[in-house]
Amino acid sequence: VCCSGECVLTVTPREKTDGMELNFQQNMSDAMAVLPKLSTGLDVNVRFTGVTDFEYTPECIVFDLLDIPLYHGWLVDPQSPEMVAAVGKLSYNQLVEKIINYKHSADSSRVSEGLVAEQFLESTATQLSYHGLCELNTTAREGEISVFFRNNHFSTMIKHKGHLYLLVTDQGFLQEESVVWESLHNVEGDGNFCDSDFRLCHPPQRAPSTSNPPSAQEQQRQIDQDYLVAVSLQQQQGGAPGPLSDLELARQLQQEEYQQQQQLQQQQQLQQQGSAQGQGSQQTRRRDKDSDCALL
């Protein structure tokens, strides 16, 4: 935020006319009021007619003053005239409001248009269309540093040798010094990672977990064992007036398992005691043997 404020303060008006001077001062005042929002995020509202089309808000003034292009790729495909007519030149907020109103209209044609507009938002849920991606490649200039807006996030974008790249800022790559850029070549968001020289690199995969899940045979063996225990408990309850409920059966299974664990612990303790006694007797025999020695 401090660096952005310093950059804004260094900007001077392009023209020295009185009208431009007053307009510049107003823009500077609005921009300084917006700067504190950089720590939480800026509110911008896209229009679906062009990659540089946004509803003009005070937040956009910062990009204008710093002469930084702001792009998005959420465009309507002109080959779908029905969607073009339904979306029109509306912004995102206006389109959402239109969909709500039209879907509850008594006019069937308005309902149909609202459904078409809703279909557009659903089919471009990634907020990037292939038509928008093509327009981005055409509009962005070679070597140009710009800002790309998508899914309420702002990313640094550059065009290098005809390809678009986004600066990697994810915390998961904080320790990966070789990962700098990610290519933007599809709408799914699974680009290729590159280093600072735009050479393809492969970030190391995470080490696999040391705890292996139980195999299918072990799982089936445990199921069979639980089943046999359940059958045994039901047979023990043969004289009962009725079958065991699920809660009663669960309690008895738990009690049976607890008893088995107790028996296993007792056996381990007995084995440890027997081992200790065996070692003690060996040491006693060794001392007795040593005491039989005599000096001649």
C-alpha atoms as a PDB file:
ATOM      1  CA  VAL A   1       0.000   0.000   0.000  1.00  0.00           C
ATOM      2  CA  CYS A   2       2.831   2.416   0.878  1.00  0.00           C
ATOM      3  CA  CYS A   3       4.635   1.731  -2.415  1.00  0.00           C
ATOM      4  CA  SER A   4       1.409   2.273  -4.363  1.00  0.00           C
ATOM      5  CA  GLY A   5       0.820   5.551  -2.541  1.00  0.00           C
ATOM      6  CA  GLU A   6       4.324   6.764  -3.368  1.00  0.00           C
ATOM      7  CA  CYS A   7       3.830   5.874  -7.034  1.00  0.00           C
ATOM      8  CA  VAL A   8       0.512   7.729  -7.154  1.00  0.00           C
ATOM      9  CA  LEU A   9       2.078  10.843  -5.609  1.00  0.00           C
ATOM     10  CA  THR A  10       4.753  10.930  -8.322  1.00  0.00           C
ATOM     11  CA  VAL A  11       2.142  11.090 -11.107  1.00  0.00           C
ATOM     12  CA  THR A  12       1.735  14.435 -12.852  1.00  0.00           C
ATOM     13  CA  PRO A  13      -1.092  15.564 -15.171  1.00  0.00           C
ATOM     14  CA  ARG A  14      -0.452  15.059 -18.873  1.00  0.00           C
ATOM     15  CA  GLU A  15      -1.878  18.490 -19.720  1.00  0.00           C
ATOM     16  CA  LYS A  16      -1.623  21.737 -17.757  1.00  0.00           C
ATOM     17  CA  THR A  17      -5.019  23.212 -18.660  1.00  0.00           C
ATOM     18  CA  ASP A  18      -7.264  24.404 -15.830  1.00  0.00           C
ATOM     19  CA  GLY A  19      -9.913  21.787 -16.544  1.00  0.00           C
ATOM     20  CA  MET A  20      -7.429  18.938 -16.652  1.00  0.00           C
ATOM     21  CA  GLU A  21      -5.737  20.197 -13.499  1.00  0.00           C
ATOM     22  CA  LEU A  22      -9.007  20.176 -11.534  1.00  0.00           C
ATOM     23  CA  ASN A  23      -9.920  16.739 -12.868  1.00  0.00           C
ATOM     24  CA  PHE A  24      -6.467  15.424 -11.973  1.00  0.00           C
ATOM     25  CA  GLN A  25      -6.711  16.751  -8.419  1.00  0.00           C
ATOM     26  CA  GLN A  26     -10.109  15.101  -7.969  1.00  0.00           C
ATOM     27  CA  ASN A  27      -8.760  11.801  -9.286  1.00  0.00           C
ATOM     28  CA  MET A  28      -5.791  12.025  -6.927  1.00  0.00           C
ATOM     29  CA  SER A  29      -8.115  12.612  -3.978  1.00  0.00           C
ATOM     30  CA  ASP A  30     -10.309   9.646  -4.955  1.00  0.00           C
ATOM     31  CA  ALA A  31      -7.269   7.409  -5.499  1.00  0.00           C
ATOM     32  CA  MET A  32      -5.780   8.216  -2.092  1.00  0.00           C
ATOM     33  CA  ALA A  33      -9.126   7.331  -0.503  1.00  0.00           C
ATOM     34  CA  VAL A  34      -9.087   3.963  -2.286  1.00  0.00           C
ATOM     35  CA  LEU A  35      -5.501   2.987  -1.368  1.00  0.00           C
ATOM     36  CA  PRO A  36      -6.348   1.642   2.134  1.00  0.00           C
ATOM     37  CA  LYS A  37      -8.636  -0.902   0.443  1.00  0.00           C
ATOM     38  CA  LEU A  38      -5.649  -2.546  -1.245  1.00  0.00           C
ATOM     39  CA  SER A  39      -5.016  -4.598   1.892  1.00  0.00           C
ATOM     40  CA  THR A  40      -8.491  -6.167   1.702  1.00  0.00           C
ATOM     41  CA  GLY A  41      -9.285  -6.013  -2.023  1.00  0.00           C
ATOM     42  CA  LEU A  42     -10.764  -3.685  -4.606  1.00  0.00           C
ATOM     43  CA  ASP A  43     -14.335  -3.790  -5.868  1.00  0.00           C
ATOM     44  CA  VAL A  44     -14.512  -3.841  -9.657  1.00  0.00           C
ATOM     45  CA  ASN A  45     -17.469  -4.756 -11.844  1.00  0.00           C
ATOM     46  CA  VAL A  46     -16.786  -6.285 -15.267  1.00  0.00           C
ATOM     47  CA  ARG A  47     -18.746  -5.757 -18.458  1.00  0.00           C
ATOM     48  CA  PHE A  48     -18.956  -8.688 -20.861  1.00  0.00           C
ATOM     49  CA  THR A  49     -18.337  -6.671 -24.038  1.00  0.00           C
ATOM     50  CA  GLY A  50     -14.531  -6.307 -23.976  1.00  0.00           C
ATOM     51  CA  VAL A  51     -11.430  -7.316 -22.027  1.00  0.00           C
ATOM     52  CA  THR A  52     -10.888  -3.718 -20.877  1.00  0.00           C
ATOM     53  CA  ASP A  53     -14.553  -2.959 -20.157  1.00  0.00           C
ATOM     54  CA  PHE A  54     -15.327  -2.310 -16.494  1.00  0.00           C
ATOM     55  CA  GLU A  55     -17.986  -0.260 -14.790  1.00  0.00           C
ATOM     56  CA  TYR A  56     -16.246   2.958 -13.815  1.00  0.00           C
ATOM     57  CA  THR A  57     -15.744   3.028 -10.057  1.00  0.00           C
ATOM     58  CA  PRO A  58     -13.305   4.927  -7.809  1.00  0.00           C
ATOM     59  CA  GLU A  59     -11.227   1.735  -7.587  1.00  0.00           C
ATOM     60  CA  CYS A  60     -10.423   1.957 -11.304  1.00  0.00           C
ATOM     61  CA  ILE A  61      -8.847   5.401 -10.865  1.00  0.00           C
ATOM     62  CA  VAL A  62      -5.704   3.871  -9.325  1.00  0.00           C
ATOM     63  CA  PHE A  63      -5.005   1.883 -12.500  1.00  0.00           C
ATOM     64  CA  ASP A  64      -5.663   4.926 -14.679  1.00  0.00           C
ATOM     65  CA  LEU A  65      -3.314   7.183 -12.715  1.00  0.00           C
ATOM     66  CA  LEU A  66      -0.513   4.611 -12.729  1.00  0.00           C
ATOM     67  CA  ASP A  67      -1.156   3.836 -16.410  1.00  0.00           C
ATOM     68  CA  ILE A  68      -1.466   0.099 -15.684  1.00  0.00           C
ATOM     69  CA  PRO A  69      -3.834  -1.802 -18.009  1.00  0.00           C
ATOM     70  CA  LEU A  70      -6.589  -3.739 -16.233  1.00  0.00           C
ATOM     71  CA  TYR A  71      -7.914  -6.758 -18.132  1.00  0.00           C
ATOM     72  CA  HIS A  72     -10.437  -9.545 -17.725  1.00  0.00           C
ATOM     73  CA  GLY A  73     -11.449 -12.412 -20.015  1.00  0.00           C
ATOM     74  CA  TRP A  74     -15.132 -12.910 -19.169  1.00  0.00           C
ATOM     75  CA  LEU A  75     -16.716 -12.227 -22.570  1.00  0.00           C
ATOM     76  CA  VAL A  76     -19.803 -13.400 -24.418  1.00  0.00           C
ATOM     77  CA  ASP A  77     -19.078 -15.420 -27.531  1.00  0.00           C
ATOM     78  CA  PRO A  78     -20.347 -13.385 -30.535  1.00  0.00           C
ATOM     79  CA  GLN A  79     -21.201 -16.679 -32.249  1.00  0.00           C
ATOM     80  CA  SER A  80     -24.049 -17.063 -29.728  1.00  0.00           C
ATOM     81  CA  PRO A  81     -26.398 -14.221 -30.738  1.00  0.00           C
ATOM     82  CA  GLU A  82     -29.054 -15.312 -28.253  1.00  0.00           C
ATOM     83  CA  MET A  83     -26.611 -14.904 -25.356  1.00  0.00           C
ATOM     84  CA  VAL A  84     -25.284 -11.646 -26.788  1.00  0.00           C
ATOM     85  CA  ALA A  85     -28.819 -10.259 -26.826  1.00  0.00           C
ATOM     86  CA  ALA A  86     -29.558 -11.511 -23.301  1.00  0.00           C
ATOM     87  CA  VAL A  87     -26.364 -10.124 -21.758  1.00  0.00           C
ATOM     88  CA  GLY A  88     -26.060  -6.935 -23.809  1.00  0.00           C
ATOM     89  CA  LYS A  89     -23.805  -4.217 -22.399  1.00  0.00           C
ATOM     90  CA  LEU A  90     -24.720  -4.899 -18.800  1.00  0.00           C
ATOM     91  CA  SER A  91     -22.196  -5.224 -16.006  1.00  0.00           C
ATOM     92  CA  TYR A  92     -22.077  -8.304 -13.813  1.00  0.00           C
ATOM     93  CA  ASN A  93     -24.167  -6.740 -11.043  1.00  0.00           C
ATOM     94  CA  GLN A  94     -26.739  -5.477 -13.536  1.00  0.00           C
ATOM     95  CA  LEU A  95     -26.939  -8.886 -15.223  1.00  0.00           C
ATOM     96  CA  VAL A  96     -27.570 -10.679 -11.926  1.00  0.00           C
ATOM     97  CA  GLU A  97     -30.356  -8.223 -11.132  1.00  0.00           C
ATOM     98  CA  LYS A  98     -31.842  -8.748 -14.594  1.00  0.00           C
ATOM     99  CA  ILE A  99     -31.836 -12.534 -14.195  1.00  0.00           C
ATOM    100  CA  ILE A 100     -33.690 -12.312 -10.879  1.00  0.00           C
ATOM    101  CA  ASN A 101     -36.335  -9.957 -12.275  1.00  0.00           C
ATOM    102  CA  TYR A 102     -36.848 -11.727 -15.606  1.00  0.00           C
ATOM    103  CA  LYS A 103     -37.163 -15.223 -14.123  1.00  0.00           C
ATOM    104  CA  HIS A 104     -40.100 -14.057 -11.990  1.00  0.00           C
ATOM    105  CA  SER A 105     -41.795 -12.187 -14.819  1.00  0.00           C
ATOM    106  CA  ALA A 106     -45.243 -13.084 -16.161  1.00  0.00           C
ATOM    107  CA  ASP A 107     -43.943 -12.581 -19.715  1.00  0.00           C
ATOM    108  CA  SER A 108     -42.662 -15.898 -21.086  1.00  0.00           C
ATOM    109  CA  SER A 109     -40.216 -14.168 -23.449  1.00  0.00           C
ATOM    110  CA  ARG A 110     -38.608 -12.318 -20.529  1.00  0.00           C
ATOM    111  CA  VAL A 111     -38.405 -15.563 -18.558  1.00  0.00           C
ATOM    112  CA  SER A 112     -36.680 -17.222 -21.511  1.00  0.00           C
ATOM    113  CA  GLU A 113     -34.210 -14.346 -21.831  1.00  0.00           C
ATOM    114  CA  GLY A 114     -33.457 -14.518 -18.119  1.00  0.00           C
ATOM    115  CA  LEU A 115     -32.751 -18.242 -18.388  1.00  0.00           C
ATOM    116  CA  VAL A 116     -30.379 -17.649 -21.315  1.00  0.00           C
ATOM    117  CA  ALA A 117     -28.487 -15.024 -19.308  1.00  0.00           C
ATOM    118  CA  GLU A 118     -28.302 -17.406 -16.358  1.00  0.00           C
ATOM    119  CA  GLN A 119     -26.986 -20.137 -18.643  1.00  0.00           C
ATOM    120  CA  PHE A 120     -24.180 -17.812 -19.729  1.00  0.00           C
ATOM    121  CA  LEU A 121     -23.053 -17.276 -16.125  1.00  0.00           C
ATOM    122  CA  GLU A 122     -23.208 -21.004 -15.407  1.00  0.00           C
ATOM    123  CA  SER A 123     -21.298 -21.986 -18.558  1.00  0.00           C
ATOM    124  CA  THR A 124     -18.551 -19.443 -17.764  1.00  0.00           C
ATOM    125  CA  ALA A 125     -18.320 -20.083 -14.030  1.00  0.00           C
ATOM    126  CA  THR A 126     -14.514 -19.844 -14.256  1.00  0.00           C
ATOM    127  CA  GLN A 127     -14.987 -16.173 -15.265  1.00  0.00           C
ATOM    128  CA  LEU A 128     -12.908 -16.784 -18.375  1.00  0.00           C
ATOM    129  CA  SER A 129     -14.240 -17.754 -21.801  1.00  0.00           C
ATOM    130  CA  TYR A 130     -12.253 -18.946 -24.806  1.00  0.00           C
ATOM    131  CA  HIS A 131     -13.417 -15.911 -26.753  1.00  0.00           C
ATOM    132  CA  GLY A 132     -12.148 -13.749 -23.909  1.00  0.00           C
ATOM    133  CA  LEU A 133      -8.822 -15.592 -23.921  1.00  0.00           C
ATOM    134  CA  CYS A 134      -8.427 -14.938 -27.652  1.00  0.00           C
ATOM    135  CA  GLU A 135      -9.242 -11.261 -27.148  1.00  0.00           C
ATOM    136  CA  LEU A 136      -6.680 -11.064 -24.341  1.00  0.00           C
ATOM    137  CA  ASN A 137      -3.951 -12.389 -26.629  1.00  0.00           C
ATOM    138  CA  THR A 138      -4.945  -9.876 -29.279  1.00  0.00           C
ATOM    139  CA  THR A 139      -5.263  -6.836 -26.992  1.00  0.00           C
ATOM    140  CA  ALA A 140      -2.274  -7.284 -24.672  1.00  0.00           C
ATOM    141  CA  ARG A 141       0.981  -5.914 -26.073  1.00  0.00           C
ATOM    142  CA  GLU A 142       4.247  -7.816 -26.165  1.00  0.00           C
ATOM    143  CA  GLY A 143       6.253  -7.285 -22.961  1.00  0.00           C
ATOM    144  CA  GLU A 144       3.433  -5.309 -21.362  1.00  0.00           C
ATOM    145  CA  ILE A 145       2.970  -5.586 -17.590  1.00  0.00           C
ATOM    146  CA  SER A 146      -0.723  -5.527 -16.726  1.00  0.00           C
ATOM    147  CA  VAL A 147      -3.243  -6.653 -14.112  1.00  0.00           C
ATOM    148  CA  PHE A 148      -5.620  -9.536 -14.811  1.00  0.00           C
ATOM    149  CA  PHE A 149      -8.893  -9.749 -12.865  1.00  0.00           C
ATOM    150  CA  ARG A 150     -10.582 -13.109 -12.352  1.00  0.00           C
ATOM    151  CA  ASN A 151     -12.611 -14.692  -9.543  1.00  0.00           C
ATOM    152  CA  ASN A 152     -12.226 -11.593  -7.367  1.00  0.00           C
ATOM    153  CA  HIS A 153      -8.431 -11.837  -7.598  1.00  0.00           C
ATOM    154  CA  PHE A 154      -5.909  -9.520  -9.222  1.00  0.00           C
ATOM    155  CA  SER A 155      -2.874 -11.120 -10.863  1.00  0.00           C
ATOM    156  CA  THR A 156       0.174  -9.603 -12.520  1.00  0.00           C
ATOM    157  CA  MET A 157       0.153 -10.571 -16.192  1.00  0.00           C
ATOM    158  CA  ILE A 158       2.737 -10.286 -18.954  1.00  0.00           C
ATOM    159  CA  LYS A 159       2.809 -11.219 -22.619  1.00  0.00           C
ATOM    160  CA  HIS A 160       6.056 -12.920 -23.636  1.00  0.00           C
ATOM    161  CA  LYS A 161       6.699 -14.142 -27.181  1.00  0.00           C
ATOM    162  CA  GLY A 162       2.993 -14.188 -27.937  1.00  0.00           C
ATOM    163  CA  HIS A 163       1.985 -16.107 -24.803  1.00  0.00           C
ATOM    164  CA  LEU A 164       0.297 -14.865 -21.635  1.00  0.00           C
ATOM    165  CA  TYR A 165       1.752 -15.587 -18.196  1.00  0.00           C
ATOM    166  CA  LEU A 166       0.524 -14.878 -14.661  1.00  0.00           C
ATOM    167  CA  LEU A 167       2.875 -14.192 -11.768  1.00  0.00           C
ATOM    168  CA  VAL A 168       2.763 -17.059  -9.242  1.00  0.00           C
ATOM    169  CA  THR A 169       1.888 -15.682  -5.800  1.00  0.00           C
ATOM    170  CA  ASP A 170       0.407 -18.747  -4.115  1.00  0.00           C
ATOM    171  CA  GLN A 171       1.821 -19.407  -0.632  1.00  0.00           C
ATOM    172  CA  GLY A 172       2.330 -23.056  -1.561  1.00  0.00           C
ATOM    173  CA  PHE A 173       5.189 -22.024  -3.887  1.00  0.00           C
ATOM    174  CA  LEU A 174       6.890 -19.706  -1.407  1.00  0.00           C
ATOM    175  CA  GLN A 175       9.922 -21.995  -1.089  1.00  0.00           C
ATOM    176  CA  GLU A 176      10.029 -22.879  -4.806  1.00  0.00           C
ATOM    177  CA  GLU A 177      12.440 -20.279  -6.155  1.00  0.00           C
ATOM    178  CA  SER A 178      12.333 -21.686  -9.686  1.00  0.00           C
ATOM    179  CA  VAL A 179       8.546 -21.244 -10.029  1.00  0.00           C
ATOM    180  CA  VAL A 180       7.839 -17.652 -11.120  1.00  0.00           C
ATOM    181  CA  TRP A 181       5.244 -17.651 -13.919  1.00  0.00           C
ATOM    182  CA  GLU A 182       2.229 -19.763 -14.869  1.00  0.00           C
ATOM    183  CA  SER A 183       0.992 -19.852 -18.446  1.00  0.00           C
ATOM    184  CA  LEU A 184      -2.555 -18.723 -19.211  1.00  0.00           C
ATOM    185  CA  HIS A 185      -3.610 -20.791 -22.206  1.00  0.00           C
ATOM    186  CA  ASN A 186      -6.944 -22.366 -21.214  1.00  0.00           C
ATOM    187  CA  VAL A 187     -10.029 -21.590 -19.154  1.00  0.00           C
ATOM    188  CA  GLU A 188      -9.554 -24.501 -16.725  1.00  0.00           C
ATOM    189  CA  GLY A 189      -6.650 -22.822 -14.935  1.00  0.00           C
ATOM    190  CA  ASP A 190      -4.150 -25.705 -15.194  1.00  0.00           C
ATOM    191  CA  GLY A 191      -1.283 -23.804 -16.786  1.00  0.00           C
ATOM    192  CA  ASN A 192       2.393 -24.722 -17.036  1.00  0.00           C
ATOM    193  CA  PHE A 193       4.906 -23.368 -14.519  1.00  0.00           C
ATOM    194  CA  CYS A 194       7.966 -21.491 -15.728  1.00  0.00           C
ATOM    195  CA  ASP A 195      11.039 -19.888 -14.209  1.00  0.00           C
ATOM    196  CA  SER A 196      12.042 -16.227 -14.438  1.00  0.00           C
ATOM    197  CA  ASP A 197      13.274 -16.778 -18.013  1.00  0.00           C
ATOM    198  CA  PHE A 198       9.960 -18.403 -19.025  1.00  0.00           C
ATOM    199  CA  ARG A 199      11.551 -21.826 -19.270  1.00  0.00           C
ATOM    200  CA  LEU A 200       9.323 -24.753 -18.387  1.00  0.00           C
ATOM    201  CA  CYS A 201       9.955 -26.137 -14.903  1.00  0.00           C
ATOM    202  CA  HIS A 202       8.372 -28.861 -12.811  1.00  0.00           C
ATOM    203  CA  PRO A 203       7.905 -28.123  -9.108  1.00  0.00           C
ATOM    204  CA  PRO A 204       8.873 -31.102  -6.918  1.00  0.00           C
ATOM    205  CA  GLN A 205       6.026 -33.295  -5.838  1.00  0.00           C
ATOM    206  CA  ARG A 206       5.193 -33.630  -2.195  1.00  0.00           C
ATOM    207  CA  ALA A 207       6.572 -36.649  -0.403  1.00  0.00           C
ATOM    208  CA  PRO A 208       4.010 -39.440  -0.074  1.00  0.00           C
ATOM    209  CA  SER A 209       2.515 -40.177   3.297  1.00  0.00           C
ATOM    210  CA  THR A 210       4.448 -42.698   5.412  1.00  0.00           C
ATOM    211  CA  SER A 211       1.301 -44.272   6.825  1.00  0.00           C
ATOM    212  CA  ASN A 212      -0.064 -46.722   4.262  1.00  0.00           C
ATOM    213  CA  PRO A 213      -3.829 -47.330   4.268  1.00  0.00           C
ATOM    214  CA  PRO A 214      -4.959 -50.878   5.053  1.00  0.00           C
ATOM    215  CA  SER A 215      -5.154 -53.197   2.079  1.00  0.00           C
ATOM    216  CA  ALA A 216      -8.414 -54.650   0.809  1.00  0.00           C
ATOM    217  CA  GLN A 217      -7.562 -58.037   2.337  1.00  0.00           C
ATOM    218  CA  GLU A 218      -6.918 -56.498   5.752  1.00  0.00           C
ATOM    219  CA  GLN A 219     -10.175 -54.563   5.600  1.00  0.00           C
ATOM    220  CA  GLN A 220     -12.111 -57.704   4.648  1.00  0.00           C
ATOM    221  CA  ARG A 221     -10.386 -59.679   7.420  1.00  0.00           C
ATOM    222  CA  GLN A 222     -11.460 -57.060   9.970  1.00  0.00           C
ATOM    223  CA  ILE A 223     -15.038 -57.154   8.647  1.00  0.00           C
ATOM    224  CA  ASP A 224     -15.126 -60.951   8.909  1.00  0.00           C
ATOM    225  CA  GLN A 225     -13.770 -60.827  12.446  1.00  0.00           C
ATOM    226  CA  ASP A 226     -16.376 -58.284  13.516  1.00  0.00           C
ATOM    227  CA  TYR A 227     -19.081 -60.419  11.937  1.00  0.00           C
ATOM    228  CA  LEU A 228     -17.973 -63.544  13.795  1.00  0.00           C
ATOM    229  CA  VAL A 229     -17.915 -61.650  17.077  1.00  0.00           C
ATOM    230  CA  ALA A 230     -21.414 -60.334  16.405  1.00  0.00           C
ATOM    231  CA  VAL A 231     -22.712 -63.838  15.622  1.00  0.00           C
ATOM    232  CA  SER A 232     -21.101 -65.190  18.784  1.00  0.00           C
ATOM    233  CA  LEU A 233     -22.748 -62.508  20.882  1.00  0.00           C
ATOM    234  CA  GLN A 234     -26.130 -63.202  19.346  1.00  0.00           C
ATOM    235  CA  GLN A 235     -25.747 -66.923  20.073  1.00  0.00           C
ATOM    236  CA  GLN A 236     -24.890 -66.121  23.684  1.00  0.00           C
ATOM    237  CA  GLN A 237     -28.152 -64.196  23.884  1.00  0.00           C
ATOM    238  CA  GLY A 238     -30.139 -67.217  22.669  1.00  0.00           C
ATOM    239  CA  GLY A 239     -32.314 -67.256  25.788  1.00  0.00           C
ATOM    240  CA  ALA A 240     -33.142 -63.582  25.554  1.00  0.00           C
ATOM    241  CA  PRO A 241     -36.759 -62.617  24.871  1.00  0.00           C
ATOM    242  CA  GLY A 242     -35.890 -60.804  21.646  1.00  0.00           C
ATOM    243  CA  PRO A 243     -33.015 -59.992  19.297  1.00  0.00           C
ATOM    244  CA  LEU A 244     -30.350 -57.512  20.296  1.00  0.00           C
ATOM    245  CA  SER A 245     -30.884 -53.915  19.319  1.00  0.00           C
ATOM    246  CA  ASP A 246     -28.190 -52.081  17.370  1.00  0.00           C
ATOM    247  CA  LEU A 247     -27.210 -50.104  20.455  1.00  0.00           C
ATOM    248  CA  GLU A 248     -26.950 -53.202  22.652  1.00  0.00           C
ATOM    249  CA  LEU A 249     -24.960 -55.070  20.024  1.00  0.00           C
ATOM    250  CA  ALA A 250     -22.586 -52.124  19.627  1.00  0.00           C
ATOM    251  CA  ARG A 251     -22.048 -51.947  23.377  1.00  0.00           C
ATOM    252  CA  GLN A 252     -21.275 -55.647  23.625  1.00  0.00           C
ATOM    253  CA  LEU A 253     -18.926 -55.468  20.652  1.00  0.00           C
ATOM    254  CA  GLN A 254     -17.104 -52.625  22.338  1.00  0.00           C
ATOM    255  CA  GLN A 255     -16.936 -54.563  25.619  1.00  0.00           C
ATOM    256  CA  GLU A 256     -15.637 -57.660  23.830  1.00  0.00           C
ATOM    257  CA  GLU A 257     -12.949 -55.628  22.083  1.00  0.00           C
ATOM    258  CA  TYR A 258     -11.973 -54.007  25.381  1.00  0.00           C
ATOM    259  CA  GLN A 259     -11.608 -57.420  27.031  1.00  0.00           C
ATOM    260  CA  GLN A 260      -9.448 -58.665  24.162  1.00  0.00           C
ATOM    261  CA  GLN A 261      -7.175 -55.641  24.537  1.00  0.00           C
ATOM    262  CA  GLN A 262      -6.901 -56.265  28.296  1.00  0.00           C
ATOM    263  CA  GLN A 263      -5.940 -59.899  27.708  1.00  0.00           C
ATOM    264  CA  LEU A 264      -3.361 -58.888  25.110  1.00  0.00           C
ATOM    265  CA  GLN A 265      -1.791 -56.361  27.491  1.00  0.00           C
ATOM    266  CA  GLN A 266      -1.639 -58.953  30.279  1.00  0.00           C
ATOM    267  CA  GLN A 267       0.068 -61.451  27.968  1.00  0.00           C
ATOM    268  CA  GLN A 268       2.631 -58.829  26.935  1.00  0.00           C
ATOM    269  CA  GLN A 269       3.339 -57.978  30.581  1.00  0.00           C
ATOM    270  CA  LEU A 270       3.823 -61.668  31.445  1.00  0.00           C
ATOM    271  CA  GLN A 271       6.200 -62.096  28.519  1.00  0.00           C
ATOM    272  CA  GLN A 272       8.217 -59.057  29.602  1.00  0.00           C
ATOM    273  CA  GLN A 273       8.400 -60.350  33.184  1.00  0.00           C
ATOM    274  CA  GLY A 274       9.487 -63.797  31.987  1.00  0.00           C
ATOM    275  CA  SER A 275      12.170 -62.239  29.809  1.00  0.00           C
ATOM    276  CA  ALA A 276      13.447 -60.153  32.733  1.00  0.00           C
ATOM    277  CA  GLN A 277      13.551 -63.209  35.016  1.00  0.00           C
ATOM    278  CA  GLY A 278      15.457 -65.185  32.375  1.00  0.00           C
ATOM    279  CA  GLN A 279      18.071 -62.455  32.096  1.00  0.00           C
ATOM    280  CA  GLY A 280      18.356 -62.302  35.904  1.00  0.00           C
ATOM    281  CA  SER A 281      18.950 -66.065  36.226  1.00  0.00           C
ATOM    282  CA  GLN A 282      21.622 -65.943  33.526  1.00  0.00           C
ATOM    283  CA  GLN A 283      23.445 -63.170  35.390  1.00  0.00           C
ATOM    284  CA  THR A 284      23.186 -65.181  38.665  1.00  0.00           C
ATOM    285  CA  ARG A 285      24.660 -68.275  37.031  1.00  0.00           C
ATOM    286  CA  ARG A 286      27.458 -66.170  35.579  1.00  0.00           C
ATOM    287  CA  ARG A 287      28.314 -64.756  39.015  1.00  0.00           C
ATOM    288  CA  ASP A 288      28.242 -68.256  40.572  1.00  0.00           C
ATOM    289  CA  LYS A 289      30.577 -69.542  37.909  1.00  0.00           C
ATOM    290  CA  ASP A 290      32.966 -66.688  38.514  1.00  0.00           C
ATOM    291  CA  SER A 291      32.940 -67.328  42.270  1.00  0.00           C
ATOM    292  CA  ASP A 292      34.094 -70.949  41.747  1.00  0.00           C
ATOM    293  CA  CYS A 293      37.462 -69.732  40.521  1.00  0.00           C
ATOM    294  CA  ALA A 294      40.378 -70.084  43.023  1.00  0.00           C
ATOM    295  CA  LEU A 295      43.920 -68.740  43.085  1.00  0.00           C
ATOM    296  CA  LEU A 296      46.654 -71.389  43.180  1.00  0.00           C
END
